[in-house]
Protein backbone atom coordinates (compact mmCIF):
# COMPACT_ATOMS: atom_id res chain seq x y z
CA MET A 1 114.86 89.13 87.26
CA PRO A 2 112.89 85.97 86.46
CA VAL A 3 110.50 84.82 89.15
CA ASN A 4 111.20 81.29 90.37
CA PRO A 5 107.86 79.55 90.93
CA ALA A 6 107.31 77.09 93.76
CA PRO A 7 108.73 73.64 92.99
CA VAL A 8 106.27 71.47 91.16
CA SER A 9 107.01 68.57 93.46
CA SER A 10 105.32 70.47 96.29
CA ARG A 11 102.08 70.78 94.33
CA GLN A 12 99.33 68.21 94.64
CA THR A 13 97.99 66.64 91.46
CA HIS A 14 94.72 64.74 91.35
CA SER A 15 93.38 62.36 88.73
CA HIS A 16 90.67 63.87 86.53
CA PRO A 17 90.41 61.51 83.54
CA ILE A 18 88.83 62.76 80.33
CA ALA A 19 86.91 60.74 77.77
CA PRO A 20 89.31 59.90 74.94
CA SER A 21 89.11 61.39 71.47
CA TYR A 22 89.76 58.92 68.67
CA VAL A 23 92.36 59.69 65.99
CA THR A 24 90.67 58.40 62.85
CA ALA A 25 93.03 59.87 60.23
CA PHE A 26 96.36 61.68 60.23
CA SER A 27 99.21 62.66 57.94
CA LEU A 28 102.52 64.51 57.97
CA VAL A 29 104.58 66.44 55.43
CA SER A 30 108.10 67.27 56.62
CA ALA A 31 111.75 66.88 55.68
CA LEU A 32 111.23 63.13 56.20
CA GLY A 33 108.86 63.00 53.25
CA VAL A 34 105.35 63.68 52.01
CA GLY A 35 102.79 61.49 53.74
CA ASN A 36 103.00 58.72 56.29
CA GLN A 37 104.65 56.09 54.09
CA GLN A 38 107.63 58.28 53.16
CA THR A 39 107.90 59.37 56.80
CA LEU A 40 107.97 55.74 57.93
CA ASP A 41 110.55 54.82 55.31
CA SER A 42 112.84 57.57 56.63
CA LEU A 43 112.29 56.51 60.24
CA ARG A 44 112.97 52.83 59.53
CA ASN A 45 116.18 53.68 57.67
CA GLN A 46 117.28 56.31 60.20
CA ARG A 47 117.49 58.83 57.37
CA SER A 48 117.58 62.47 58.45
CA GLY A 49 115.88 65.15 56.39
CA LEU A 50 118.33 67.90 57.41
CA ARG A 51 120.30 69.73 54.71
CA HIS A 52 123.08 72.30 54.86
CA TYR A 53 121.94 75.90 54.43
CA ASP A 54 124.11 78.97 53.80
CA MET A 55 122.52 82.03 55.41
CA GLY A 56 124.35 84.53 53.20
CA PRO A 57 127.64 86.46 53.02
CA GLY A 58 129.13 86.87 56.47
CA LEU A 59 126.16 85.22 58.20
CA GLY A 60 127.43 81.67 58.46
CA SER A 61 125.53 78.47 57.85
CA THR A 62 123.21 76.06 59.59
CA TRP A 63 121.12 72.99 58.74
CA PHE A 64 117.44 73.09 57.82
CA GLY A 65 114.68 70.53 57.39
CA PHE A 66 113.45 71.52 53.93
CA VAL A 67 110.45 70.17 52.06
CA ASP A 68 111.17 70.23 48.32
CA ASP A 69 109.24 72.86 46.37
CA ALA A 70 108.28 70.22 43.80
CA GLN A 71 106.33 68.43 46.51
CA THR A 72 104.48 71.57 47.60
CA PRO A 73 103.30 73.34 44.42
CA PRO A 74 101.58 76.76 44.49
CA VAL A 75 97.91 76.98 45.37
CA GLU A 76 95.89 77.56 42.22
CA GLY A 77 92.28 78.05 41.15
CA GLU A 78 89.68 79.44 43.53
CA PHE A 79 92.04 79.22 46.50
CA ALA A 80 95.02 80.94 44.83
CA LYS A 81 94.53 84.11 46.89
CA TYR A 82 95.58 82.17 50.01
CA ASP A 83 98.92 81.06 48.54
CA ASN A 84 101.94 81.16 50.87
CA ASN A 85 104.62 78.69 51.99
CA CYS A 86 102.62 77.37 54.94
CA ILE A 87 99.48 76.92 52.88
CA ARG A 88 101.42 75.01 50.22
CA LEU A 89 102.49 72.60 52.94
CA ALA A 90 98.91 72.43 54.25
CA GLN A 91 97.62 71.75 50.73
CA ALA A 92 100.12 68.91 50.36
CA VAL A 93 99.22 67.24 53.65
CA LEU A 94 95.47 67.44 52.99
CA ASN A 95 96.03 65.37 49.86
CA GLN A 96 97.76 62.52 51.70
CA ASP A 97 96.63 59.40 53.54
CA GLY A 98 92.91 59.72 52.88
CA ILE A 99 92.48 62.94 54.84
CA MET A 100 89.99 64.49 52.41
CA GLU A 101 87.94 61.29 52.29
CA ALA A 102 87.92 60.92 56.09
CA VAL A 103 86.71 64.49 56.57
CA ALA A 104 84.05 64.04 53.88
CA ALA A 105 82.77 60.96 55.72
CA ALA A 106 82.74 62.92 59.00
CA ARG A 107 80.72 65.68 57.32
CA GLU A 108 78.15 63.09 56.30
CA ARG A 109 77.90 61.70 59.82
CA TYR A 110 77.89 64.91 61.85
CA GLY A 111 77.19 67.80 59.48
CA SER A 112 79.79 70.39 58.50
CA HIS A 113 78.72 72.71 61.36
CA ARG A 114 79.63 70.05 63.94
CA ILE A 115 83.27 69.78 62.85
CA GLY A 116 85.78 72.29 64.21
CA ILE A 117 89.33 73.14 63.22
CA PHE A 118 92.16 74.12 65.55
CA LEU A 119 95.48 75.05 63.93
CA GLY A 120 98.85 75.99 65.41
CA THR A 121 101.47 78.18 63.75
CA ILE A 122 103.98 80.89 64.64
CA THR A 123 104.77 82.69 61.40
CA GLY A 124 101.76 81.82 59.22
CA GLY A 125 102.20 83.68 55.95
CA SER A 126 105.24 85.71 56.97
CA ASP A 127 106.91 84.82 53.69
CA GLN A 128 104.24 86.99 52.03
CA LEU A 129 105.21 89.97 54.17
CA GLU A 130 108.82 89.43 53.14
CA ARG A 131 107.71 89.53 49.51
CA PHE A 132 105.76 92.77 50.09
CA TYR A 133 108.99 94.42 51.26
CA GLN A 134 111.24 92.83 48.67
CA ASP A 135 109.11 93.79 45.66
CA GLY A 136 108.12 97.19 46.99
CA SER A 137 104.43 96.35 47.39
CA ILE A 138 104.43 97.73 50.90
CA TYR A 139 105.06 101.18 49.47
CA THR A 140 103.09 101.15 46.23
CA LYS A 141 99.80 99.38 46.89
CA ALA A 142 96.78 101.16 48.26
CA ALA A 143 96.66 100.49 51.99
CA PHE A 144 93.29 98.77 51.98
CA LYS A 145 94.35 96.42 49.16
CA LEU A 146 97.50 95.45 51.02
CA VAL A 147 95.55 94.80 54.22
CA ASP A 148 93.09 92.63 52.31
CA GLN A 149 95.89 90.64 50.67
CA TYR A 150 97.63 90.27 54.03
CA HIS A 151 94.47 88.86 55.64
CA GLN A 152 94.08 86.32 52.86
CA SER A 153 97.64 85.11 52.52
CA GLY A 154 99.91 86.81 55.05
CA SER A 155 98.19 86.44 58.41
CA LEU A 156 98.22 83.61 60.93
CA ILE A 157 94.54 82.90 60.36
CA SER A 158 94.94 82.56 56.58
CA ILE A 159 95.93 78.88 56.91
CA THR A 160 92.92 78.10 59.08
CA LEU A 161 90.53 79.84 56.69
CA PHE A 162 92.06 78.01 53.74
CA MET A 163 91.67 74.61 55.39
CA ARG A 164 88.06 75.34 56.41
CA ARG A 165 87.12 76.16 52.84
CA VAL A 166 88.99 73.27 51.26
CA LEU A 167 87.54 70.77 53.74
CA GLY A 168 84.04 72.23 53.60
CA ILE A 169 83.58 72.53 57.36
CA THR A 170 81.78 75.35 59.18
CA GLY A 171 82.15 74.52 62.86
CA PRO A 172 84.19 76.45 65.47
CA TYR A 173 87.74 77.38 64.55
CA ALA A 174 90.79 78.90 66.19
CA THR A 175 94.40 79.67 65.30
CA ILE A 176 96.75 79.11 68.23
CA GLY A 177 100.18 80.72 68.47
CA THR A 178 102.00 79.78 71.67
CA ALA A 179 105.47 79.43 70.17
CA CYS A 180 106.73 75.86 69.83
CA SER A 181 103.80 74.32 71.73
CA SER A 182 101.23 75.76 69.28
CA SER A 183 100.26 72.61 67.40
CA ALA A 184 100.37 70.43 70.51
CA LYS A 185 97.92 72.70 72.31
CA VAL A 186 95.45 72.34 69.42
CA PHE A 187 94.86 68.74 70.53
CA ALA A 188 93.87 69.96 74.00
CA ALA A 189 91.64 72.68 72.55
CA ALA A 190 89.92 70.21 70.23
CA SER A 191 89.44 67.67 73.02
CA ARG A 192 87.80 70.29 75.24
CA ALA A 193 85.50 71.39 72.42
CA ILE A 194 84.43 67.79 71.82
CA GLN A 195 83.96 67.11 75.55
CA ALA A 196 81.89 70.29 75.92
CA GLY A 197 79.57 69.23 73.11
CA ILE A 198 80.56 72.17 70.91
CA CYS A 199 81.47 69.79 68.11
CA ASP A 200 81.47 66.06 67.42
CA ALA A 201 84.76 65.99 65.54
CA ALA A 202 87.69 68.32 65.01
CA ILE A 203 90.57 68.84 62.63
CA VAL A 204 93.82 69.53 64.46
CA ALA A 205 96.67 70.89 62.38
CA GLY A 206 99.95 72.74 62.39
CA ALA A 207 102.01 74.37 59.66
CA GLU A 208 105.32 76.20 59.49
CA GLY A 209 107.12 77.07 56.27
CA PHE A 210 110.49 78.42 55.28
CA ASN A 211 111.00 82.16 55.79
CA GLU A 212 114.03 84.37 56.37
CA THR A 213 112.46 86.18 59.32
CA LEU A 214 112.34 83.02 61.42
CA ILE A 215 115.86 81.94 60.48
CA HIS A 216 117.50 85.27 61.24
CA GLY A 217 115.43 85.71 64.39
CA PHE A 218 116.95 82.54 65.79
CA ARG A 219 120.37 83.46 64.40
CA SER A 220 120.19 86.69 66.44
CA LEU A 221 119.56 84.60 69.57
CA GLY A 222 122.72 82.61 68.85
CA VAL A 223 120.98 79.23 69.04
CA LEU A 224 121.36 77.94 65.46
CA SER A 225 123.82 75.07 65.29
CA THR A 226 126.30 74.94 62.43
CA ASN A 227 126.02 71.13 62.57
CA PRO A 228 123.09 68.72 62.39
CA CYS A 229 121.50 69.10 65.83
CA ARG A 230 122.23 66.39 68.42
CA PRO A 231 119.78 66.29 71.36
CA TRP A 232 121.14 65.18 74.74
CA ASP A 233 124.66 65.02 73.30
CA LYS A 234 127.57 66.23 75.39
CA LYS A 235 128.53 68.62 72.56
CA ARG A 236 125.04 69.83 71.63
CA ASP A 237 125.17 73.49 70.70
CA GLY A 238 121.83 74.54 69.25
CA ILE A 239 118.86 73.88 67.02
CA ASN A 240 118.17 73.32 63.35
CA LEU A 241 114.92 74.72 61.99
CA GLY A 242 112.54 72.85 59.73
CA ALA A 243 109.34 73.15 57.71
CA ALA A 244 106.33 70.87 58.16
CA ALA A 245 102.58 70.53 58.15
CA GLY A 246 100.54 67.92 59.95
CA VAL A 247 96.84 67.19 60.27
CA ALA A 248 94.70 64.76 62.25
CA LEU A 249 90.99 64.11 62.59
CA LEU A 250 89.67 63.60 66.12
CA GLU A 251 86.22 62.11 66.68
CA ARG A 252 84.04 61.45 69.70
CA ASN A 253 82.41 58.27 68.38
CA PRO A 254 84.26 56.70 65.44
CA THR A 255 82.59 54.12 63.24
CA GLY A 256 85.58 51.85 62.67
CA PRO A 257 87.77 49.81 65.07
CA ASP A 258 91.49 50.02 65.80
CA ASN A 259 91.79 53.78 66.26
CA LEU A 260 94.61 55.32 68.23
CA ARG A 261 93.35 57.56 71.04
CA LEU A 262 94.19 60.93 72.55
CA VAL A 263 93.79 59.98 76.23
CA GLY A 264 95.38 62.90 78.09
CA TYR A 265 96.90 66.34 77.83
CA GLY A 266 98.55 68.89 80.08
CA GLU A 267 99.30 72.57 79.65
CA SER A 268 101.37 74.99 81.70
CA CYS A 269 103.02 78.38 81.40
CA ASP A 270 105.81 78.83 83.92
CA GLY A 271 106.66 82.35 82.71
CA TYR A 272 110.21 81.90 84.01
CA HIS A 273 111.91 83.72 81.12
CA MET A 274 111.03 85.03 77.68
CA THR A 275 113.14 82.47 75.82
CA ALA A 276 114.62 80.08 78.40
CA PRO A 277 112.86 77.23 80.21
CA HIS A 278 112.92 76.94 83.98
CA PRO A 279 116.35 75.39 84.70
CA GLU A 280 114.84 72.55 86.75
CA GLY A 281 111.99 71.98 84.31
CA ASP A 282 109.24 72.93 86.77
CA GLY A 283 106.81 74.01 84.05
CA VAL A 284 107.17 70.91 81.90
CA GLU A 285 106.98 68.71 84.99
CA LEU A 286 103.62 70.25 85.91
CA CYS A 287 102.53 69.77 82.32
CA MET A 288 103.40 66.06 82.32
CA ARG A 289 101.72 65.51 85.68
CA GLN A 290 98.54 67.15 84.39
CA ALA A 291 98.63 64.93 81.30
CA LEU A 292 98.95 61.81 83.47
CA SER A 293 96.02 63.08 85.56
CA THR A 294 93.70 63.71 82.61
CA ALA A 295 94.67 60.31 81.20
CA GLY A 296 94.09 58.58 84.55
CA LEU A 297 97.51 56.93 84.25
CA LYS A 298 100.47 56.34 86.52
CA PRO A 299 104.03 57.12 85.36
CA ASP A 300 104.96 53.45 85.04
CA GLU A 301 102.14 52.95 82.49
CA ILE A 302 103.93 55.16 79.93
CA ASP A 303 106.14 53.11 77.61
CA TYR A 304 107.97 55.79 75.62
CA ILE A 305 108.46 59.57 75.60
CA ASN A 306 109.02 61.66 72.47
CA ALA A 307 110.88 64.49 74.17
CA HIS A 308 110.89 68.10 73.04
CA GLY A 309 114.70 67.79 72.93
CA SER A 310 115.60 70.90 70.96
CA ALA A 311 119.37 70.25 71.40
CA THR A 312 120.18 73.48 73.20
CA PRO A 313 122.20 72.99 76.41
CA MET A 314 119.57 74.56 78.68
CA ASN A 315 116.44 73.06 77.12
CA ASP A 316 117.57 69.45 77.15
CA ALA A 317 118.93 69.69 80.70
CA SER A 318 115.66 71.22 81.91
CA GLU A 319 113.48 68.56 80.31
CA ASP A 320 115.80 65.77 81.43
CA ALA A 321 115.47 66.86 85.06
CA ALA A 322 111.67 66.98 84.84
CA ILE A 323 111.40 63.55 83.18
CA GLN A 324 113.65 61.96 85.79
CA ARG A 325 111.61 63.34 88.70
CA ILE A 326 108.44 61.72 87.37
CA PHE A 327 109.62 58.64 85.45
CA GLY A 328 113.09 57.89 86.80
CA GLN A 329 116.03 56.92 84.61
CA ASN A 330 114.66 53.83 82.87
CA MET A 331 112.02 55.46 80.69
CA ALA A 332 112.78 55.08 76.97
CA CYS A 333 113.08 58.59 75.48
CA SER A 334 114.23 60.18 72.26
CA SER A 335 114.03 63.46 70.41
CA THR A 336 113.14 63.40 66.71
CA LYS A 337 114.39 66.90 65.92
CA GLY A 338 117.56 65.37 64.49
CA TRP A 339 115.26 63.90 61.81
CA THR A 340 113.03 66.86 60.93
CA GLY A 341 114.62 69.93 62.48
CA HIS A 342 112.67 72.04 64.92
CA THR A 343 109.48 72.80 63.01
CA GLN A 344 108.43 75.53 65.47
CA GLY A 345 104.67 76.09 65.36
CA ALA A 346 104.30 72.71 63.65
CA ALA A 347 106.59 70.89 66.10
CA GLY A 348 103.78 69.66 68.35
CA ILE A 349 101.81 67.94 65.62
CA THR A 350 104.96 66.79 63.78
CA GLU A 351 106.09 64.89 66.85
CA ALA A 352 102.58 63.75 67.76
CA ILE A 353 102.22 62.13 64.35
CA ILE A 354 105.69 60.58 64.55
CA LEU A 355 104.58 59.15 67.91
CA LEU A 356 101.34 57.83 66.40
CA LEU A 357 103.32 56.15 63.61
CA SER A 358 105.74 54.75 66.19
CA MET A 359 102.83 53.25 68.13
CA ARG A 360 101.27 51.81 64.99
CA GLU A 361 104.56 50.29 63.82
CA ASN A 362 105.90 49.17 67.25
CA LEU A 363 109.07 51.17 66.62
CA ALA A 364 110.61 53.73 68.96
CA PRO A 365 112.84 56.07 66.90
CA ALA A 366 116.37 57.00 67.86
CA SER A 367 117.71 60.41 68.73
CA LEU A 368 119.45 60.89 65.42
CA ASN A 369 122.96 62.47 65.40
CA THR A 370 123.37 61.96 69.15
CA GLU A 371 126.69 60.22 69.70
CA GLU A 372 128.02 60.89 73.21
CA LEU A 373 125.36 61.35 75.86
CA ASP A 374 125.83 64.17 78.33
CA ASP A 375 126.93 62.45 81.55
CA LYS A 376 125.35 65.27 83.58
CA MET A 377 121.89 64.07 82.52
CA GLY A 378 120.25 60.76 83.24
CA CYS A 379 117.36 59.90 80.90
CA ARG A 380 117.58 56.67 78.88
CA ILE A 381 117.98 58.17 75.42
CA LEU A 382 117.65 55.77 72.49
CA LEU A 383 120.66 55.99 70.20
CA ARG A 384 119.26 53.41 67.77
CA ASN A 385 115.75 52.56 66.67
CA GLU A 386 114.24 50.07 69.08
CA PRO A 387 111.37 47.62 68.45
CA MET A 388 108.81 48.43 71.10
CA ALA A 389 105.12 47.84 71.74
CA ILE A 390 103.96 51.28 72.88
CA ARG A 391 100.69 50.96 74.78
CA TYR A 392 100.85 54.56 75.98
CA GLY A 393 103.19 57.18 74.52
CA LEU A 394 103.85 60.73 75.70
CA THR A 395 105.15 63.72 73.76
CA ASN A 396 106.35 67.07 75.10
CA SER A 397 106.40 70.50 73.47
CA MET A 398 108.11 73.48 75.12
CA GLY A 399 107.81 77.03 73.82
CA PHE A 400 109.09 80.53 74.47
CA GLY A 401 107.61 82.24 77.52
CA GLY A 402 107.34 78.87 79.26
CA ASN A 403 104.41 77.70 77.13
CA ASN A 404 104.42 73.93 77.60
CA SER A 405 102.14 71.17 76.38
CA THR A 406 102.14 67.41 76.89
CA LEU A 407 100.02 64.88 75.01
CA ILE A 408 99.44 61.21 75.83
CA PHE A 409 98.19 58.79 73.20
CA GLY A 410 96.88 55.28 73.75
CA ALA A 411 96.95 52.23 71.50
CA PRO A 412 93.66 50.93 70.05
CA LEU A 413 91.43 49.17 72.57
């Protein structure tokens, strides 16, 4: 039986502000488009990237946030051995929005050994493992050759190693897999590394590609919706999956002005259940309170929340309860999973970058597909895009096992 932890409201939280890390470059590849401009165009026009997907004879259908293969070509040349679906997405995002140039400039300032990389993913190169089984490689290749190929293109760390080599950085690196909070927690890990003096700058990233294992895993849990997902809706009935890759460069002391800032983060693991959140949202409440503490902010200083909002009945109700206890019912909130699908290990950075774009453009995005709000919940969910100056924005990520992460970003000083 799940253990019910003590209510978060009974715990004391104290302010322990951190020094901010400056976000000097970022980009996103998702079902909304390749790069920040295409992403913004989709957001402004309230254009979802979800497409209908037939899972096969007798298996039903769902909706998925695909990224077109033409936009994510195979990895070729000296890095071809790393090729997999996630790495194709990572390759695409590295070539957008001046990321390569920004990292090159950081190498000149700090040295390659002073730049770290922290990447979040769940499945990594699982599509390669599927190919090994489908083409019989698992049975015919010499074991040591298969292990070597798996390490290069099939493992979780393969994406991190690929990005290190492409970017020419040699500082500390880690691959984080904490379910759907993976690529939100990389921001916290990078911030701590910078604060500790381990590095002067860090790449934070997340990537999740299309693979059958992930789709049928969630199908077996009975949480895939047959409709475009609709967070906070009275008739919400499950998630849509999606593919994405995002990357951002964090620096301690940037050279240019007008940089958005990572000002706070919180992490918790309530351990309530393997796949379900605590019904009252105790874990995510603790997470948000910690983020406010590390940011040195009060709840009324947050202007907008990009909620995890996966569109399952239990998840949305849990998060709604936690948000209300801290922020009340007037806080502007929305979930962007109706735009991109739930990008799993890349969800944290996908939604962090959407929040950064929202702050830069003074535009709070709607909860797409949500039509009739659940009257049992009370958060102020945006049903249409809303012009908004976001001085401080918060984003939540909630993962299996109660792995939660909250990030708070601040506008340029």
